[in-house]
Amino acid sequence: MSKPPLRARKPSSPSKAAPAQASRAEASAAETARYIAEFTAELSFLARRSNLEVLAYLLDMARLEATRAVQGEGRP
């Protein structure tokens, strides 16, 4: 494991957030999704190496979902 897990932050309410805070929250969400994609790829590799195929599959699905979240962020 190359990075320690990120600390969970209390999400702010989108309706009460100022525009600057909203863009910061979106950047934080993208950063979190990128981190999850990277971390689950590493975990999937470890699971496959230990013949934990179902766990590796589930981790790959989580990685794909995180990747889709990052790619879909720029869309309206």
PDB file of N, CA and C in Angstrom:
ATOM      1  N   MET A   1       0.840  -1.174   0.000  1.00  0.00           N
ATOM      2  CA  MET A   1       0.000   0.000   0.000  1.00  0.00           C
ATOM      3  C   MET A   1       0.883   1.233   0.000  1.00  0.00           C
ATOM      4  N   SER A   2       0.695   2.061  -0.995  1.00  0.00           N
ATOM      5  CA  SER A   2       1.571   3.210  -1.145  1.00  0.00           C
ATOM      6  C   SER A   2       1.062   4.456  -0.439  1.00  0.00           C
ATOM      7  N   LYS A   3      -0.246   4.552  -0.232  1.00  0.00           N
ATOM      8  CA  LYS A   3      -0.795   5.748   0.396  1.00  0.00           C
ATOM      9  C   LYS A   3      -1.641   5.351   1.596  1.00  0.00           C
ATOM     10  N   PRO A   4      -1.629   6.153   2.654  1.00  0.00           N
ATOM     11  CA  PRO A   4      -2.528   5.888   3.772  1.00  0.00           C
ATOM     12  C   PRO A   4      -3.941   6.295   3.384  1.00  0.00           C
ATOM     13  N   PRO A   5      -4.951   5.678   3.996  1.00  0.00           N
ATOM     14  CA  PRO A   5      -6.329   6.059   3.677  1.00  0.00           C
ATOM     15  C   PRO A   5      -6.591   7.522   4.031  1.00  0.00           C
ATOM     16  N   LEU A   6      -7.429   8.156   3.247  1.00  0.00           N
ATOM     17  CA  LEU A   6      -7.807   9.543   3.520  1.00  0.00           C
ATOM     18  C   LEU A   6      -8.762   9.578   4.700  1.00  0.00           C
ATOM     19  N   ARG A   7      -8.696  10.642   5.464  1.00  0.00           N
ATOM     20  CA  ARG A   7      -9.635  10.803   6.566  1.00  0.00           C
ATOM     21  C   ARG A   7     -10.988  11.199   6.008  1.00  0.00           C
ATOM     22  N   ALA A   8     -12.015  10.610   6.557  1.00  0.00           N
ATOM     23  CA  ALA A   8     -13.366  10.950   6.128  1.00  0.00           C
ATOM     24  C   ALA A   8     -13.698  12.362   6.604  1.00  0.00           C
ATOM     25  N   ARG A   9     -14.300  13.119   5.732  1.00  0.00           N
ATOM     26  CA  ARG A   9     -14.716  14.473   6.084  1.00  0.00           C
ATOM     27  C   ARG A   9     -16.225  14.518   6.137  1.00  0.00           C
ATOM     28  N   LYS A  10     -16.723  15.354   7.003  1.00  0.00           N
ATOM     29  CA  LYS A  10     -18.160  15.543   7.079  1.00  0.00           C
ATOM     30  C   LYS A  10     -18.593  16.325   5.849  1.00  0.00           C
ATOM     31  N   PRO A  11     -19.483  15.734   5.009  1.00  0.00           N
ATOM     32  CA  PRO A  11     -19.893  16.440   3.799  1.00  0.00           C
ATOM     33  C   PRO A  11     -20.728  17.666   4.130  1.00  0.00           C
ATOM     34  N   SER A  12     -20.501  18.715   3.366  1.00  0.00           N
ATOM     35  CA  SER A  12     -21.300  19.917   3.556  1.00  0.00           C
ATOM     36  C   SER A  12     -22.561  19.807   2.713  1.00  0.00           C
ATOM     37  N   SER A  13     -23.584  20.491   3.140  1.00  0.00           N
ATOM     38  CA  SER A  13     -24.843  20.480   2.419  1.00  0.00           C
ATOM     39  C   SER A  13     -24.700  21.277   1.134  1.00  0.00           C
ATOM     40  N   PRO A  14     -24.995  20.671  -0.043  1.00  0.00           N
ATOM     41  CA  PRO A  14     -24.831  21.399  -1.298  1.00  0.00           C
ATOM     42  C   PRO A  14     -25.735  22.628  -1.387  1.00  0.00           C
ATOM     43  N   SER A  15     -26.915  22.579  -0.769  1.00  0.00           N
ATOM     44  CA  SER A  15     -27.832  23.712  -0.860  1.00  0.00           C
ATOM     45  C   SER A  15     -27.326  24.913  -0.065  1.00  0.00           C
ATOM     46  N   LYS A  16     -26.529  24.677   0.971  1.00  0.00           N
ATOM     47  CA  LYS A  16     -26.035  25.761   1.804  1.00  0.00           C
ATOM     48  C   LYS A  16     -24.638  26.211   1.410  1.00  0.00           C
ATOM     49  N   ALA A  17     -23.976  25.457   0.546  1.00  0.00           N
ATOM     50  CA  ALA A  17     -22.589  25.768   0.178  1.00  0.00           C
ATOM     51  C   ALA A  17     -22.541  26.937  -0.791  1.00  0.00           C
ATOM     52  N   ALA A  18     -21.549  27.781  -0.609  1.00  0.00           N
ATOM     53  CA  ALA A  18     -21.301  28.879  -1.545  1.00  0.00           C
ATOM     54  C   ALA A  18     -20.693  28.297  -2.814  1.00  0.00           C
ATOM     55  N   PRO A  19     -20.772  29.009  -3.952  1.00  0.00           N
ATOM     56  CA  PRO A  19     -20.205  28.484  -5.196  1.00  0.00           C
ATOM     57  C   PRO A  19     -18.752  28.058  -5.073  1.00  0.00           C
ATOM     58  N   ALA A  20     -17.925  28.824  -4.353  1.00  0.00           N
ATOM     59  CA  ALA A  20     -16.516  28.452  -4.179  1.00  0.00           C
ATOM     60  C   ALA A  20     -16.399  27.156  -3.403  1.00  0.00           C
ATOM     61  N   GLN A  21     -17.238  26.984  -2.399  1.00  0.00           N
ATOM     62  CA  GLN A  21     -17.227  25.750  -1.622  1.00  0.00           C
ATOM     63  C   GLN A  21     -17.715  24.578  -2.461  1.00  0.00           C
ATOM     64  N   ALA A  22     -18.688  24.815  -3.328  1.00  0.00           N
ATOM     65  CA  ALA A  22     -19.210  23.750  -4.176  1.00  0.00           C
ATOM     66  C   ALA A  22     -18.136  23.240  -5.128  1.00  0.00           C
ATOM     67  N   SER A  23     -17.373  24.152  -5.742  1.00  0.00           N
ATOM     68  CA  SER A  23     -16.320  23.712  -6.651  1.00  0.00           C
ATOM     69  C   SER A  23     -15.221  22.996  -5.893  1.00  0.00           C
ATOM     70  N   ARG A  24     -14.950  23.418  -4.665  1.00  0.00           N
ATOM     71  CA  ARG A  24     -13.951  22.739  -3.844  1.00  0.00           C
ATOM     72  C   ARG A  24     -14.449  21.352  -3.473  1.00  0.00           C
ATOM     73  N   ALA A  25     -15.737  21.212  -3.197  1.00  0.00           N
ATOM     74  CA  ALA A  25     -16.308  19.911  -2.873  1.00  0.00           C
ATOM     75  C   ALA A  25     -16.242  18.987  -4.084  1.00  0.00           C
ATOM     76  N   GLU A  26     -16.501  19.528  -5.283  1.00  0.00           N
ATOM     77  CA  GLU A  26     -16.413  18.719  -6.494  1.00  0.00           C
ATOM     78  C   GLU A  26     -14.985  18.262  -6.732  1.00  0.00           C
ATOM     79  N   ALA A  27     -14.029  19.144  -6.529  1.00  0.00           N
ATOM     80  CA  ALA A  27     -12.624  18.762  -6.690  1.00  0.00           C
ATOM     81  C   ALA A  27     -12.270  17.696  -5.674  1.00  0.00           C
ATOM     82  N   SER A  28     -12.768  17.820  -4.484  1.00  0.00           N
ATOM     83  CA  SER A  28     -12.508  16.838  -3.448  1.00  0.00           C
ATOM     84  C   SER A  28     -13.133  15.492  -3.819  1.00  0.00           C
ATOM     85  N   ALA A  29     -14.330  15.514  -4.402  1.00  0.00           N
ATOM     86  CA  ALA A  29     -14.983  14.277  -4.818  1.00  0.00           C
ATOM     87  C   ALA A  29     -14.185  13.600  -5.931  1.00  0.00           C
ATOM     88  N   ALA A  30     -13.677  14.372  -6.869  1.00  0.00           N
ATOM     89  CA  ALA A  30     -12.872  13.811  -7.952  1.00  0.00           C
ATOM     90  C   ALA A  30     -11.573  13.237  -7.407  1.00  0.00           C
ATOM     91  N   GLU A  31     -10.956  13.963  -6.493  1.00  0.00           N
ATOM     92  CA  GLU A  31      -9.721  13.481  -5.876  1.00  0.00           C
ATOM     93  C   GLU A  31      -9.970  12.181  -5.117  1.00  0.00           C
ATOM     94  N   THR A  32     -11.070  12.126  -4.399  1.00  0.00           N
ATOM     95  CA  THR A  32     -11.419  10.921  -3.656  1.00  0.00           C
ATOM     96  C   THR A  32     -11.662   9.752  -4.595  1.00  0.00           C
ATOM     97  N   ALA A  33     -12.388   9.999  -5.684  1.00  0.00           N
ATOM     98  CA  ALA A  33     -12.659   8.932  -6.655  1.00  0.00           C
ATOM     99  C   ALA A  33     -11.371   8.421  -7.298  1.00  0.00           C
ATOM    100  N   ARG A  34     -10.450   9.331  -7.609  1.00  0.00           N
ATOM    101  CA  ARG A  34      -9.155   8.911  -8.176  1.00  0.00           C
ATOM    102  C   ARG A  34      -8.384   8.044  -7.187  1.00  0.00           C
ATOM    103  N   TYR A  35      -8.384   8.454  -5.937  1.00  0.00           N
ATOM    104  CA  TYR A  35      -7.695   7.695  -4.908  1.00  0.00           C
ATOM    105  C   TYR A  35      -8.313   6.300  -4.755  1.00  0.00           C
ATOM    106  N   ILE A  36      -9.627   6.228  -4.734  1.00  0.00           N
ATOM    107  CA  ILE A  36     -10.318   4.944  -4.614  1.00  0.00           C
ATOM    108  C   ILE A  36      -9.980   4.051  -5.797  1.00  0.00           C
ATOM    109  N   ALA A  37      -9.961   4.617  -7.006  1.00  0.00           N
ATOM    110  CA  ALA A  37      -9.622   3.832  -8.193  1.00  0.00           C
ATOM    111  C   ALA A  37      -8.216   3.253  -8.079  1.00  0.00           C
ATOM    112  N   GLU A  38      -7.279   4.076  -7.637  1.00  0.00           N
ATOM    113  CA  GLU A  38      -5.893   3.615  -7.502  1.00  0.00           C
ATOM    114  C   GLU A  38      -5.761   2.557  -6.402  1.00  0.00           C
ATOM    115  N   PHE A  39      -6.389   2.818  -5.281  1.00  0.00           N
ATOM    116  CA  PHE A  39      -6.260   1.922  -4.138  1.00  0.00           C
ATOM    117  C   PHE A  39      -6.936   0.573  -4.401  1.00  0.00           C
ATOM    118  N   THR A  40      -8.117   0.585  -5.019  1.00  0.00           N
ATOM    119  CA  THR A  40      -8.797  -0.679  -5.304  1.00  0.00           C
ATOM    120  C   THR A  40      -8.046  -1.485  -6.356  1.00  0.00           C
ATOM    121  N   ALA A  41      -7.337  -0.828  -7.266  1.00  0.00           N
ATOM    122  CA  ALA A  41      -6.516  -1.558  -8.238  1.00  0.00           C
ATOM    123  C   ALA A  41      -5.416  -2.327  -7.510  1.00  0.00           C
ATOM    124  N   GLU A  42      -4.789  -1.686  -6.537  1.00  0.00           N
ATOM    125  CA  GLU A  42      -3.748  -2.358  -5.758  1.00  0.00           C
ATOM    126  C   GLU A  42      -4.331  -3.515  -4.945  1.00  0.00           C
ATOM    127  N   LEU A  43      -5.479  -3.273  -4.317  1.00  0.00           N
ATOM    128  CA  LEU A  43      -6.107  -4.327  -3.523  1.00  0.00           C
ATOM    129  C   LEU A  43      -6.553  -5.501  -4.396  1.00  0.00           C
ATOM    130  N   SER A  44      -7.059  -5.199  -5.577  1.00  0.00           N
ATOM    131  CA  SER A  44      -7.464  -6.256  -6.502  1.00  0.00           C
ATOM    132  C   SER A  44      -6.272  -7.120  -6.896  1.00  0.00           C
ATOM    133  N   PHE A  45      -5.144  -6.471  -7.152  1.00  0.00           N
ATOM    134  CA  PHE A  45      -3.924  -7.208  -7.488  1.00  0.00           C
ATOM    135  C   PHE A  45      -3.542  -8.159  -6.346  1.00  0.00           C
ATOM    136  N   LEU A  46      -3.592  -7.666  -5.116  1.00  0.00           N
ATOM    137  CA  LEU A  46      -3.258  -8.506  -3.971  1.00  0.00           C
ATOM    138  C   LEU A  46      -4.245  -9.661  -3.820  1.00  0.00           C
ATOM    139  N   ALA A  47      -5.522  -9.372  -4.045  1.00  0.00           N
ATOM    140  CA  ALA A  47      -6.535 -10.434  -3.939  1.00  0.00           C
ATOM    141  C   ALA A  47      -6.317 -11.513  -4.991  1.00  0.00           C
ATOM    142  N   ARG A  48      -6.042 -11.124  -6.230  1.00  0.00           N
ATOM    143  CA  ARG A  48      -5.782 -12.112  -7.281  1.00  0.00           C
ATOM    144  C   ARG A  48      -4.546 -12.945  -6.971  1.00  0.00           C
ATOM    145  N   ARG A  49      -3.521 -12.297  -6.460  1.00  0.00           N
ATOM    146  CA  ARG A  49      -2.291 -12.998  -6.128  1.00  0.00           C
ATOM    147  C   ARG A  49      -2.534 -14.059  -5.054  1.00  0.00           C
ATOM    148  N   SER A  50      -3.539 -13.831  -4.212  1.00  0.00           N
ATOM    149  CA  SER A  50      -3.880 -14.776  -3.153  1.00  0.00           C
ATOM    150  C   SER A  50      -5.039 -15.687  -3.539  1.00  0.00           C
ATOM    151  N   ASN A  51      -5.389 -15.693  -4.836  1.00  0.00           N
ATOM    152  CA  ASN A  51      -6.482 -16.527  -5.363  1.00  0.00           C
ATOM    153  C   ASN A  51      -7.833 -16.210  -4.726  1.00  0.00           C
ATOM    154  N   LEU A  52      -8.056 -14.960  -4.418  1.00  0.00           N
ATOM    155  CA  LEU A  52      -9.345 -14.495  -3.903  1.00  0.00           C
ATOM    156  C   LEU A  52     -10.090 -13.839  -5.065  1.00  0.00           C
ATOM    157  N   GLU A  53     -10.538 -14.675  -5.981  1.00  0.00           N
ATOM    158  CA  GLU A  53     -11.085 -14.182  -7.250  1.00  0.00           C
ATOM    159  C   GLU A  53     -12.352 -13.350  -7.094  1.00  0.00           C
ATOM    160  N   VAL A  54     -13.266 -13.775  -6.229  1.00  0.00           N
ATOM    161  CA  VAL A  54     -14.511 -13.005  -6.061  1.00  0.00           C
ATOM    162  C   VAL A  54     -14.206 -11.640  -5.457  1.00  0.00           C
ATOM    163  N   LEU A  55     -13.335 -11.603  -4.476  1.00  0.00           N
ATOM    164  CA  LEU A  55     -12.951 -10.330  -3.874  1.00  0.00           C
ATOM    165  C   LEU A  55     -12.260  -9.443  -4.905  1.00  0.00           C
ATOM    166  N   ALA A  56     -11.388 -10.028  -5.713  1.00  0.00           N
ATOM    167  CA  ALA A  56     -10.705  -9.261  -6.765  1.00  0.00           C
ATOM    168  C   ALA A  56     -11.725  -8.687  -7.746  1.00  0.00           C
ATOM    169  N   TYR A  57     -12.720  -9.476  -8.104  1.00  0.00           N
ATOM    170  CA  TYR A  57     -13.767  -9.016  -9.025  1.00  0.00           C
ATOM    171  C   TYR A  57     -14.526  -7.827  -8.423  1.00  0.00           C
ATOM    172  N   LEU A  58     -14.916  -7.942  -7.170  1.00  0.00           N
ATOM    173  CA  LEU A  58     -15.656  -6.852  -6.529  1.00  0.00           C
ATOM    174  C   LEU A  58     -14.808  -5.581  -6.433  1.00  0.00           C
ATOM    175  N   LEU A  59     -13.542  -5.736  -6.144  1.00  0.00           N
ATOM    176  CA  LEU A  59     -12.644  -4.578  -6.099  1.00  0.00           C
ATOM    177  C   LEU A  59     -12.502  -3.951  -7.481  1.00  0.00           C
ATOM    178  N   ASP A  60     -12.456  -4.782  -8.526  1.00  0.00           N
ATOM    179  CA  ASP A  60     -12.397  -4.253  -9.892  1.00  0.00           C
ATOM    180  C   ASP A  60     -13.662  -3.473 -10.224  1.00  0.00           C
ATOM    181  N   MET A  61     -14.813  -3.951  -9.766  1.00  0.00           N
ATOM    182  CA  MET A  61     -16.065  -3.225 -10.001  1.00  0.00           C
ATOM    183  C   MET A  61     -16.046  -1.876  -9.286  1.00  0.00           C
ATOM    184  N   ALA A  62     -15.519  -1.849  -8.078  1.00  0.00           N
ATOM    185  CA  ALA A  62     -15.404  -0.577  -7.349  1.00  0.00           C
ATOM    186  C   ALA A  62     -14.456   0.367  -8.080  1.00  0.00           C
ATOM    187  N   ARG A  63     -13.367  -0.172  -8.595  1.00  0.00           N
ATOM    188  CA  ARG A  63     -12.405   0.652  -9.354  1.00  0.00           C
ATOM    189  C   ARG A  63     -13.065   1.234 -10.592  1.00  0.00           C
ATOM    190  N   LEU A  64     -13.816   0.406 -11.317  1.00  0.00           N
ATOM    191  CA  LEU A  64     -14.490   0.899 -12.521  1.00  0.00           C
ATOM    192  C   LEU A  64     -15.509   1.987 -12.188  1.00  0.00           C
ATOM    193  N   GLU A  65     -16.235   1.816 -11.114  1.00  0.00           N
ATOM    194  CA  GLU A  65     -17.225   2.819 -10.709  1.00  0.00           C
ATOM    195  C   GLU A  65     -16.537   4.133 -10.337  1.00  0.00           C
ATOM    196  N   ALA A  66     -15.428   4.052  -9.637  1.00  0.00           N
ATOM    197  CA  ALA A  66     -14.687   5.260  -9.280  1.00  0.00           C
ATOM    198  C   ALA A  66     -14.144   5.947 -10.527  1.00  0.00           C
ATOM    199  N   THR A  67     -13.662   5.165 -11.479  1.00  0.00           N
ATOM    200  CA  THR A  67     -13.146   5.719 -12.728  1.00  0.00           C
ATOM    201  C   THR A  67     -14.262   6.405 -13.508  1.00  0.00           C
ATOM    202  N   ARG A  68     -15.427   5.796 -13.549  1.00  0.00           N
ATOM    203  CA  ARG A  68     -16.573   6.408 -14.237  1.00  0.00           C
ATOM    204  C   ARG A  68     -16.973   7.722 -13.570  1.00  0.00           C
ATOM    205  N   ALA A  69     -16.896   7.771 -12.244  1.00  0.00           N
ATOM    206  CA  ALA A  69     -17.231   9.004 -11.531  1.00  0.00           C
ATOM    207  C   ALA A  69     -16.277  10.122 -11.900  1.00  0.00           C
ATOM    208  N   VAL A  70     -15.008   9.808 -12.053  1.00  0.00           N
ATOM    209  CA  VAL A  70     -14.021  10.824 -12.432  1.00  0.00           C
ATOM    210  C   VAL A  70     -14.257  11.265 -13.872  1.00  0.00           C
ATOM    211  N   GLN A  71     -14.496  10.328 -14.778  1.00  0.00           N
ATOM    212  CA  GLN A  71     -14.700  10.661 -16.178  1.00  0.00           C
ATOM    213  C   GLN A  71     -15.993  11.430 -16.411  1.00  0.00           C
ATOM    214  N   GLY A  72     -17.022  11.128 -15.632  1.00  0.00           N
ATOM    215  CA  GLY A  72     -18.309  11.789 -15.807  1.00  0.00           C
ATOM    216  C   GLY A  72     -18.408  13.124 -15.115  1.00  0.00           C
ATOM    217  N   GLU A  73     -17.386  13.506 -14.389  1.00  0.00           N
ATOM    218  CA  GLU A  73     -17.441  14.757 -13.640  1.00  0.00           C
ATOM    219  C   GLU A  73     -17.506  15.986 -14.523  1.00  0.00           C
ATOM    220  N   GLY A  74     -16.840  15.958 -15.659  1.00  0.00           N
ATOM    221  CA  GLY A  74     -16.821  17.100 -16.542  1.00  0.00           C
ATOM    222  C   GLY A  74     -18.101  17.277 -17.347  1.00  0.00           C
ATOM    223  N   ARG A  75     -18.968  16.307 -17.293  1.00  0.00           N
ATOM    224  CA  ARG A  75     -20.235  16.377 -18.051  1.00  0.00           C
ATOM    225  C   ARG A  75     -21.277  17.176 -17.295  1.00  0.00           C
ATOM    226  N   PRO A  76     -22.179  17.825 -18.027  1.00  0.00           N
ATOM    227  CA  PRO A  76     -23.241  18.611 -17.352  1.00  0.00           C
ATOM    228  C   PRO A  76     -24.257  17.752 -16.667  1.00  0.00           C
TER     229      PRO A  76
END
